[in-house]
């Protein structure tokens, strides 16, 4: 899956991932390969990214929106 985490100032992350855990406004949720298309608002919290090479990266966000479609994830934070 391709993940892009974007802020108004810069791109925080862009690359291949195996999973993403997001702080949704209705609770935390995980996106895995072949996830259904979704658009969701995000609350303040931590985005946990597992990269294709097995590493874990954490990103703090104060809210935003995520869109998932065709194994492409775009987070606007």
PDB file of N, CA and C in Angstrom:
ATOM      1  N   UNK A   1       0.838  -1.173   0.000  1.00  0.00           N
ATOM      2  CA  UNK A   1       0.000   0.000   0.000  1.00  0.00           C
ATOM      3  C   UNK A   1       0.885   1.239   0.000  1.00  0.00           C
ATOM      4  N   UNK A   2       0.404   2.273  -0.618  1.00  0.00           N
ATOM      5  CA  UNK A   2       1.109   3.557  -0.656  1.00  0.00           C
ATOM      6  C   UNK A   2       0.474   4.494   0.362  1.00  0.00           C
ATOM      7  N   UNK A   3       1.293   5.098   1.225  1.00  0.00           N
ATOM      8  CA  UNK A   3       0.814   6.045   2.219  1.00  0.00           C
ATOM      9  C   UNK A   3       1.480   7.393   2.021  1.00  0.00           C
ATOM     10  N   UNK A   4       0.671   8.454   2.070  1.00  0.00           N
ATOM     11  CA  UNK A   4       1.167   9.825   2.072  1.00  0.00           C
ATOM     12  C   UNK A   4       0.537  10.541   3.260  1.00  0.00           C
ATOM     13  N   UNK A   5       1.379  11.107   4.139  1.00  0.00           N
ATOM     14  CA  UNK A   5       0.909  11.937   5.239  1.00  0.00           C
ATOM     15  C   UNK A   5       1.348  13.365   4.933  1.00  0.00           C
ATOM     16  N   UNK A   6       0.361  14.238   4.737  1.00  0.00           N
ATOM     17  CA  UNK A   6       0.630  15.597   4.297  1.00  0.00           C
ATOM     18  C   UNK A   6       0.120  16.610   5.319  1.00  0.00           C
ATOM     19  N   UNK A   7       0.884  17.679   5.514  1.00  0.00           N
ATOM     20  CA  UNK A   7       0.461  18.817   6.320  1.00  0.00           C
ATOM     21  C   UNK A   7       0.469  20.038   5.409  1.00  0.00           C
ATOM     22  N   UNK A   8      -0.080  21.159   5.863  1.00  0.00           N
ATOM     23  CA  UNK A   8      -0.018  22.366   5.024  1.00  0.00           C
ATOM     24  C   UNK A   8       1.414  22.812   4.724  1.00  0.00           C
ATOM     25  N   UNK A   9       2.359  22.460   5.600  1.00  0.00           N
ATOM     26  CA  UNK A   9       3.749  22.893   5.436  1.00  0.00           C
ATOM     27  C   UNK A   9       4.606  21.954   4.613  1.00  0.00           C
ATOM     28  N   UNK A  10       4.395  20.637   4.783  1.00  0.00           N
ATOM     29  CA  UNK A  10       5.282  19.672   4.129  1.00  0.00           C
ATOM     30  C   UNK A  10       4.677  18.277   4.130  1.00  0.00           C
ATOM     31  N   UNK A  11       5.326  17.376   3.416  1.00  0.00           N
ATOM     32  CA  UNK A  11       4.973  15.960   3.446  1.00  0.00           C
ATOM     33  C   UNK A  11       5.750  15.301   4.586  1.00  0.00           C
ATOM     34  N   UNK A  12       5.034  14.687   5.534  1.00  0.00           N
ATOM     35  CA  UNK A  12       5.694  14.020   6.665  1.00  0.00           C
ATOM     36  C   UNK A  12       6.190  12.630   6.305  1.00  0.00           C
ATOM     37  N   UNK A  13       5.440  11.941   5.428  1.00  0.00           N
ATOM     38  CA  UNK A  13       5.806  10.570   5.066  1.00  0.00           C
ATOM     39  C   UNK A  13       5.239  10.260   3.691  1.00  0.00           C
ATOM     40  N   UNK A  14       6.007   9.514   2.927  1.00  0.00           N
ATOM     41  CA  UNK A  14       5.536   8.985   1.658  1.00  0.00           C
ATOM     42  C   UNK A  14       6.274   7.685   1.399  1.00  0.00           C
ATOM     43  N   UNK A  15       5.533   6.580   1.271  1.00  0.00           N
ATOM     44  CA  UNK A  15       6.199   5.309   1.024  1.00  0.00           C
ATOM     45  C   UNK A  15       5.252   4.122   1.122  1.00  0.00           C
ATOM     46  N   UNK A  16       5.820   2.930   0.941  1.00  0.00           N
ATOM     47  CA  UNK A  16       5.062   1.689   1.008  1.00  0.00           C
ATOM     48  C   UNK A  16       4.941   1.231   2.454  1.00  0.00           C
ATOM     49  N   UNK A  17       3.728   0.785   2.831  1.00  0.00           N
ATOM     50  CA  UNK A  17       3.457   0.344   4.191  1.00  0.00           C
ATOM     51  C   UNK A  17       2.674  -0.966   4.162  1.00  0.00           C
ATOM     52  N   UNK A  18       2.706  -1.681   5.299  1.00  0.00           N
ATOM     53  CA  UNK A  18       1.902  -2.899   5.431  1.00  0.00           C
ATOM     54  C   UNK A  18       0.667  -2.671   6.284  1.00  0.00           C
ATOM     55  N   UNK A  19       0.724  -1.682   7.210  1.00  0.00           N
ATOM     56  CA  UNK A  19      -0.459  -1.335   7.996  1.00  0.00           C
ATOM     57  C   UNK A  19      -0.321   0.081   8.537  1.00  0.00           C
ATOM     58  N   UNK A  20      -1.485   0.684   8.805  1.00  0.00           N
ATOM     59  CA  UNK A  20      -1.542   2.029   9.384  1.00  0.00           C
ATOM     60  C   UNK A  20      -2.638   2.017  10.440  1.00  0.00           C
ATOM     61  N   UNK A  21      -2.305   2.469  11.656  1.00  0.00           N
ATOM     62  CA  UNK A  21      -3.302   2.614  12.719  1.00  0.00           C
ATOM     63  C   UNK A  21      -3.524   4.105  12.922  1.00  0.00           C
ATOM     64  N   UNK A  22      -4.797   4.510  12.851  1.00  0.00           N
ATOM     65  CA  UNK A  22      -5.156   5.922  12.860  1.00  0.00           C
ATOM     66  C   UNK A  22      -6.095   6.259  14.020  1.00  0.00           C
ATOM     67  N   UNK A  23      -5.997   7.495  14.547  1.00  0.00           N
ATOM     68  CA  UNK A  23      -6.905   7.930  15.616  1.00  0.00           C
ATOM     69  C   UNK A  23      -8.193   8.525  15.036  1.00  0.00           C
ATOM     70  N   UNK A  24      -9.129   7.678  14.655  1.00  0.00           N
ATOM     71  CA  UNK A  24     -10.380   8.156  14.074  1.00  0.00           C
ATOM     72  C   UNK A  24     -11.225   8.910  15.075  1.00  0.00           C
ATOM     73  N   UNK A  25     -12.119   9.740  14.574  1.00  0.00           N
ATOM     74  CA  UNK A  25     -12.974  10.524  15.461  1.00  0.00           C
ATOM     75  C   UNK A  25     -13.952   9.644  16.236  1.00  0.00           C
ATOM     76  N   UNK A  26     -14.224   8.433  15.764  1.00  0.00           N
ATOM     77  CA  UNK A  26     -15.099   7.484  16.461  1.00  0.00           C
ATOM     78  C   UNK A  26     -14.299   6.367  17.127  1.00  0.00           C
ATOM     79  N   UNK A  27     -12.969   6.510  17.151  1.00  0.00           N
ATOM     80  CA  UNK A  27     -12.110   5.499  17.757  1.00  0.00           C
ATOM     81  C   UNK A  27     -10.993   5.095  16.812  1.00  0.00           C
ATOM     82  N   UNK A  28     -10.017   4.433  17.388  1.00  0.00           N
ATOM     83  CA  UNK A  28      -8.835   4.014  16.630  1.00  0.00           C
ATOM     84  C   UNK A  28      -9.207   2.903  15.643  1.00  0.00           C
ATOM     85  N   UNK A  29      -8.605   2.935  14.443  1.00  0.00           N
ATOM     86  CA  UNK A  29      -8.841   1.871  13.479  1.00  0.00           C
ATOM     87  C   UNK A  29      -7.584   1.616  12.660  1.00  0.00           C
ATOM     88  N   UNK A  30      -7.532   0.415  12.064  1.00  0.00           N
ATOM     89  CA  UNK A  30      -6.355  -0.013  11.305  1.00  0.00           C
ATOM     90  C   UNK A  30      -6.723  -0.228   9.850  1.00  0.00           C
ATOM     91  N   UNK A  31      -5.804   0.140   8.969  1.00  0.00           N
ATOM     92  CA  UNK A  31      -5.972  -0.080   7.538  1.00  0.00           C
ATOM     93  C   UNK A  31      -4.924  -1.097   7.101  1.00  0.00           C
ATOM     94  N   UNK A  32      -5.396  -2.154   6.462  1.00  0.00           N
ATOM     95  CA  UNK A  32      -4.526  -3.205   5.931  1.00  0.00           C
ATOM     96  C   UNK A  32      -4.704  -3.274   4.418  1.00  0.00           C
ATOM     97  N   UNK A  33      -3.913  -4.104   3.767  1.00  0.00           N
ATOM     98  CA  UNK A  33      -3.973  -4.269   2.315  1.00  0.00           C
ATOM     99  C   UNK A  33      -5.393  -4.625   1.860  1.00  0.00           C
ATOM    100  N   UNK A  34      -5.826  -4.072   0.755  1.00  0.00           N
ATOM    101  CA  UNK A  34      -7.142  -4.302   0.147  1.00  0.00           C
ATOM    102  C   UNK A  34      -8.296  -3.822   1.018  1.00  0.00           C
ATOM    103  N   UNK A  35      -8.061  -2.803   1.841  1.00  0.00           N
ATOM    104  CA  UNK A  35      -9.117  -2.222   2.672  1.00  0.00           C
ATOM    105  C   UNK A  35     -10.175  -1.587   1.778  1.00  0.00           C
ATOM    106  N   UNK A  36     -11.407  -1.613   2.223  1.00  0.00           N
ATOM    107  CA  UNK A  36     -12.491  -0.973   1.483  1.00  0.00           C
ATOM    108  C   UNK A  36     -12.244   0.535   1.410  1.00  0.00           C
ATOM    109  N   UNK A  37     -12.774   1.153   0.389  1.00  0.00           N
ATOM    110  CA  UNK A  37     -12.645   2.604   0.247  1.00  0.00           C
ATOM    111  C   UNK A  37     -13.326   3.287   1.427  1.00  0.00           C
ATOM    112  N   UNK A  38     -12.674   4.324   1.956  1.00  0.00           N
ATOM    113  CA  UNK A  38     -13.199   5.011   3.135  1.00  0.00           C
ATOM    114  C   UNK A  38     -12.668   6.438   3.173  1.00  0.00           C
ATOM    115  N   UNK A  39     -13.485   7.325   3.729  1.00  0.00           N
ATOM    116  CA  UNK A  39     -13.054   8.676   4.076  1.00  0.00           C
ATOM    117  C   UNK A  39     -13.473   8.868   5.522  1.00  0.00           C
ATOM    118  N   UNK A  40     -12.538   9.303   6.378  1.00  0.00           N
ATOM    119  CA  UNK A  40     -12.836   9.451   7.802  1.00  0.00           C
ATOM    120  C   UNK A  40     -12.118  10.666   8.370  1.00  0.00           C
ATOM    121  N   UNK A  41     -12.751  11.285   9.360  1.00  0.00           N
ATOM    122  CA  UNK A  41     -12.085  12.370  10.073  1.00  0.00           C
ATOM    123  C   UNK A  41     -11.202  11.773  11.165  1.00  0.00           C
ATOM    124  N   UNK A  42     -10.151  12.502  11.527  1.00  0.00           N
ATOM    125  CA  UNK A  42      -9.200  12.055  12.537  1.00  0.00           C
ATOM    126  C   UNK A  42      -9.205  13.011  13.717  1.00  0.00           C
ATOM    127  N   UNK A  43      -9.013  12.458  14.907  1.00  0.00           N
ATOM    128  CA  UNK A  43      -8.855  13.249  16.119  1.00  0.00           C
ATOM    129  C   UNK A  43      -7.381  13.416  16.427  1.00  0.00           C
ATOM    130  N   UNK A  44      -7.097  14.175  17.459  1.00  0.00           N
ATOM    131  CA  UNK A  44      -5.729  14.322  17.935  1.00  0.00           C
ATOM    132  C   UNK A  44      -5.243  12.964  18.432  1.00  0.00           C
ATOM    133  N   UNK A  45      -4.027  12.599  18.044  1.00  0.00           N
ATOM    134  CA  UNK A  45      -3.482  11.318  18.470  1.00  0.00           C
ATOM    135  C   UNK A  45      -2.260  10.929  17.662  1.00  0.00           C
ATOM    136  N   UNK A  46      -1.966   9.635  17.692  1.00  0.00           N
ATOM    137  CA  UNK A  46      -0.770   9.094  17.052  1.00  0.00           C
ATOM    138  C   UNK A  46      -1.148   8.211  15.871  1.00  0.00           C
ATOM    139  N   UNK A  47      -0.479   8.432  14.754  1.00  0.00           N
ATOM    140  CA  UNK A  47      -0.580   7.531  13.608  1.00  0.00           C
ATOM    141  C   UNK A  47       0.595   6.568  13.705  1.00  0.00           C
ATOM    142  N   UNK A  48       0.299   5.270  13.719  1.00  0.00           N
ATOM    143  CA  UNK A  48       1.333   4.241  13.803  1.00  0.00           C
ATOM    144  C   UNK A  48       1.446   3.570  12.435  1.00  0.00           C
ATOM    145  N   UNK A  49       2.635   3.660  11.849  1.00  0.00           N
ATOM    146  CA  UNK A  49       2.876   3.168  10.496  1.00  0.00           C
ATOM    147  C   UNK A  49       3.855   2.008  10.554  1.00  0.00           C
ATOM    148  N   UNK A  50       3.492   0.879   9.944  1.00  0.00           N
ATOM    149  CA  UNK A  50       4.434  -0.226   9.759  1.00  0.00           C
ATOM    150  C   UNK A  50       4.854  -0.222   8.299  1.00  0.00           C
ATOM    151  N   UNK A  51       6.141   0.063   8.075  1.00  0.00           N
ATOM    152  CA  UNK A  51       6.648   0.186   6.712  1.00  0.00           C
ATOM    153  C   UNK A  51       6.875  -1.185   6.092  1.00  0.00           C
ATOM    154  N   UNK A  52       7.055  -1.195   4.781  1.00  0.00           N
ATOM    155  CA  UNK A  52       7.245  -2.447   4.052  1.00  0.00           C
ATOM    156  C   UNK A  52       8.506  -3.183   4.490  1.00  0.00           C
ATOM    157  N   UNK A  53       9.501  -2.458   5.037  1.00  0.00           N
ATOM    158  CA  UNK A  53      10.728  -3.115   5.500  1.00  0.00           C
ATOM    159  C   UNK A  53      10.658  -3.537   6.968  1.00  0.00           C
ATOM    160  N   UNK A  54       9.442  -3.475   7.580  1.00  0.00           N
ATOM    161  CA  UNK A  54       9.244  -3.986   8.926  1.00  0.00           C
ATOM    162  C   UNK A  54       9.455  -2.984  10.052  1.00  0.00           C
ATOM    163  N   UNK A  55       9.798  -1.755   9.736  1.00  0.00           N
ATOM    164  CA  UNK A  55      10.013  -0.739  10.773  1.00  0.00           C
ATOM    165  C   UNK A  55       8.689  -0.081  11.158  1.00  0.00           C
ATOM    166  N   UNK A  56       8.643   0.453  12.377  1.00  0.00           N
ATOM    167  CA  UNK A  56       7.469   1.169  12.858  1.00  0.00           C
ATOM    168  C   UNK A  56       7.819   2.636  13.048  1.00  0.00           C
ATOM    169  N   UNK A  57       6.954   3.504  12.544  1.00  0.00           N
ATOM    170  CA  UNK A  57       7.139   4.943  12.710  1.00  0.00           C
ATOM    171  C   UNK A  57       5.870   5.529  13.313  1.00  0.00           C
ATOM    172  N   UNK A  58       6.052   6.530  14.184  1.00  0.00           N
ATOM    173  CA  UNK A  58       4.929   7.189  14.841  1.00  0.00           C
ATOM    174  C   UNK A  58       4.884   8.660  14.434  1.00  0.00           C
ATOM    175  N   UNK A  59       3.674   9.165  14.209  1.00  0.00           N
ATOM    176  CA  UNK A  59       3.467  10.559  13.845  1.00  0.00           C
ATOM    177  C   UNK A  59       2.342  11.120  14.702  1.00  0.00           C
ATOM    178  N   UNK A  60       2.597  12.215  15.376  1.00  0.00           N
ATOM    179  CA  UNK A  60       1.577  12.890  16.187  1.00  0.00           C
ATOM    180  C   UNK A  60       0.803  13.856  15.299  1.00  0.00           C
ATOM    181  N   UNK A  61      -0.530  13.788  15.373  1.00  0.00           N
ATOM    182  CA  UNK A  61      -1.373  14.705  14.605  1.00  0.00           C
ATOM    183  C   UNK A  61      -2.399  15.345  15.540  1.00  0.00           C
ATOM    184  N   UNK A  62      -2.864  16.512  15.154  1.00  0.00           N
ATOM    185  CA  UNK A  62      -3.865  17.200  15.963  1.00  0.00           C
ATOM    186  C   UNK A  62      -5.240  17.144  15.305  1.00  0.00           C
ATOM    187  N   UNK A  63      -5.398  16.234  14.367  1.00  0.00           N
ATOM    188  CA  UNK A  63      -6.665  16.065  13.658  1.00  0.00           C
ATOM    189  C   UNK A  63      -6.402  16.015  12.163  1.00  0.00           C
ATOM    190  N   UNK A  64      -7.468  15.792  11.411  1.00  0.00           N
ATOM    191  CA  UNK A  64      -7.321  15.754   9.963  1.00  0.00           C
ATOM    192  C   UNK A  64      -8.336  14.839   9.315  1.00  0.00           C
ATOM    193  N   UNK A  65      -7.986  14.386   8.111  1.00  0.00           N
ATOM    194  CA  UNK A  65      -8.857  13.534   7.305  1.00  0.00           C
ATOM    195  C   UNK A  65      -8.002  12.467   6.640  1.00  0.00           C
ATOM    196  N   UNK A  66      -8.568  11.259   6.516  1.00  0.00           N
ATOM    197  CA  UNK A  66      -7.890  10.189   5.776  1.00  0.00           C
ATOM    198  C   UNK A  66      -8.809   9.691   4.667  1.00  0.00           C
ATOM    199  N   UNK A  67      -8.200   9.392   3.520  1.00  0.00           N
ATOM    200  CA  UNK A  67      -8.922   8.790   2.406  1.00  0.00           C
ATOM    201  C   UNK A  67      -8.174   7.533   1.991  1.00  0.00           C
ATOM    202  N   UNK A  68      -8.920   6.438   1.831  1.00  0.00           N
ATOM    203  CA  UNK A  68      -8.344   5.167   1.385  1.00  0.00           C
ATOM    204  C   UNK A  68      -9.085   4.744   0.131  1.00  0.00           C
ATOM    205  N   UNK A  69      -8.319   4.445  -0.927  1.00  0.00           N
ATOM    206  CA  UNK A  69      -8.930   3.977  -2.166  1.00  0.00           C
ATOM    207  C   UNK A  69      -7.875   3.246  -2.987  1.00  0.00           C
ATOM    208  N   UNK A  70      -8.187   2.030  -3.396  1.00  0.00           N
ATOM    209  CA  UNK A  70      -7.308   1.227  -4.249  1.00  0.00           C
ATOM    210  C   UNK A  70      -5.892   1.107  -3.679  1.00  0.00           C
ATOM    211  N   UNK A  71      -5.785   0.758  -2.387  1.00  0.00           N
ATOM    212  CA  UNK A  71      -4.504   0.576  -1.688  1.00  0.00           C
ATOM    213  C   UNK A  71      -3.633   1.825  -1.673  1.00  0.00           C
ATOM    214  N   UNK A  72      -4.254   2.998  -1.794  1.00  0.00           N
ATOM    215  CA  UNK A  72      -3.564   4.271  -1.642  1.00  0.00           C
ATOM    216  C   UNK A  72      -4.213   5.024  -0.482  1.00  0.00           C
ATOM    217  N   UNK A  73      -3.392   5.420   0.493  1.00  0.00           N
ATOM    218  CA  UNK A  73      -3.882   6.088   1.693  1.00  0.00           C
ATOM    219  C   UNK A  73      -3.308   7.508   1.689  1.00  0.00           C
ATOM    220  N   UNK A  74      -4.195   8.487   1.826  1.00  0.00           N
ATOM    221  CA  UNK A  74      -3.768   9.883   1.914  1.00  0.00           C
ATOM    222  C   UNK A  74      -4.301  10.460   3.222  1.00  0.00           C
ATOM    223  N   UNK A  75      -3.384  10.940   4.060  1.00  0.00           N
ATOM    224  CA  UNK A  75      -3.752  11.591   5.315  1.00  0.00           C
ATOM    225  C   UNK A  75      -3.438  13.066   5.186  1.00  0.00           C
ATOM    226  N   UNK A  76      -4.451  13.906   5.404  1.00  0.00           N
ATOM    227  CA  UNK A  76      -4.266  15.347   5.445  1.00  0.00           C
ATOM    228  C   UNK A  76      -4.391  15.753   6.897  1.00  0.00           C
ATOM    229  N   UNK A  77      -3.281  16.188   7.477  1.00  0.00           N
ATOM    230  CA  UNK A  77      -3.254  16.484   8.925  1.00  0.00           C
ATOM    231  C   UNK A  77      -2.956  17.950   9.157  1.00  0.00           C
TER     232      UNK A  77
END
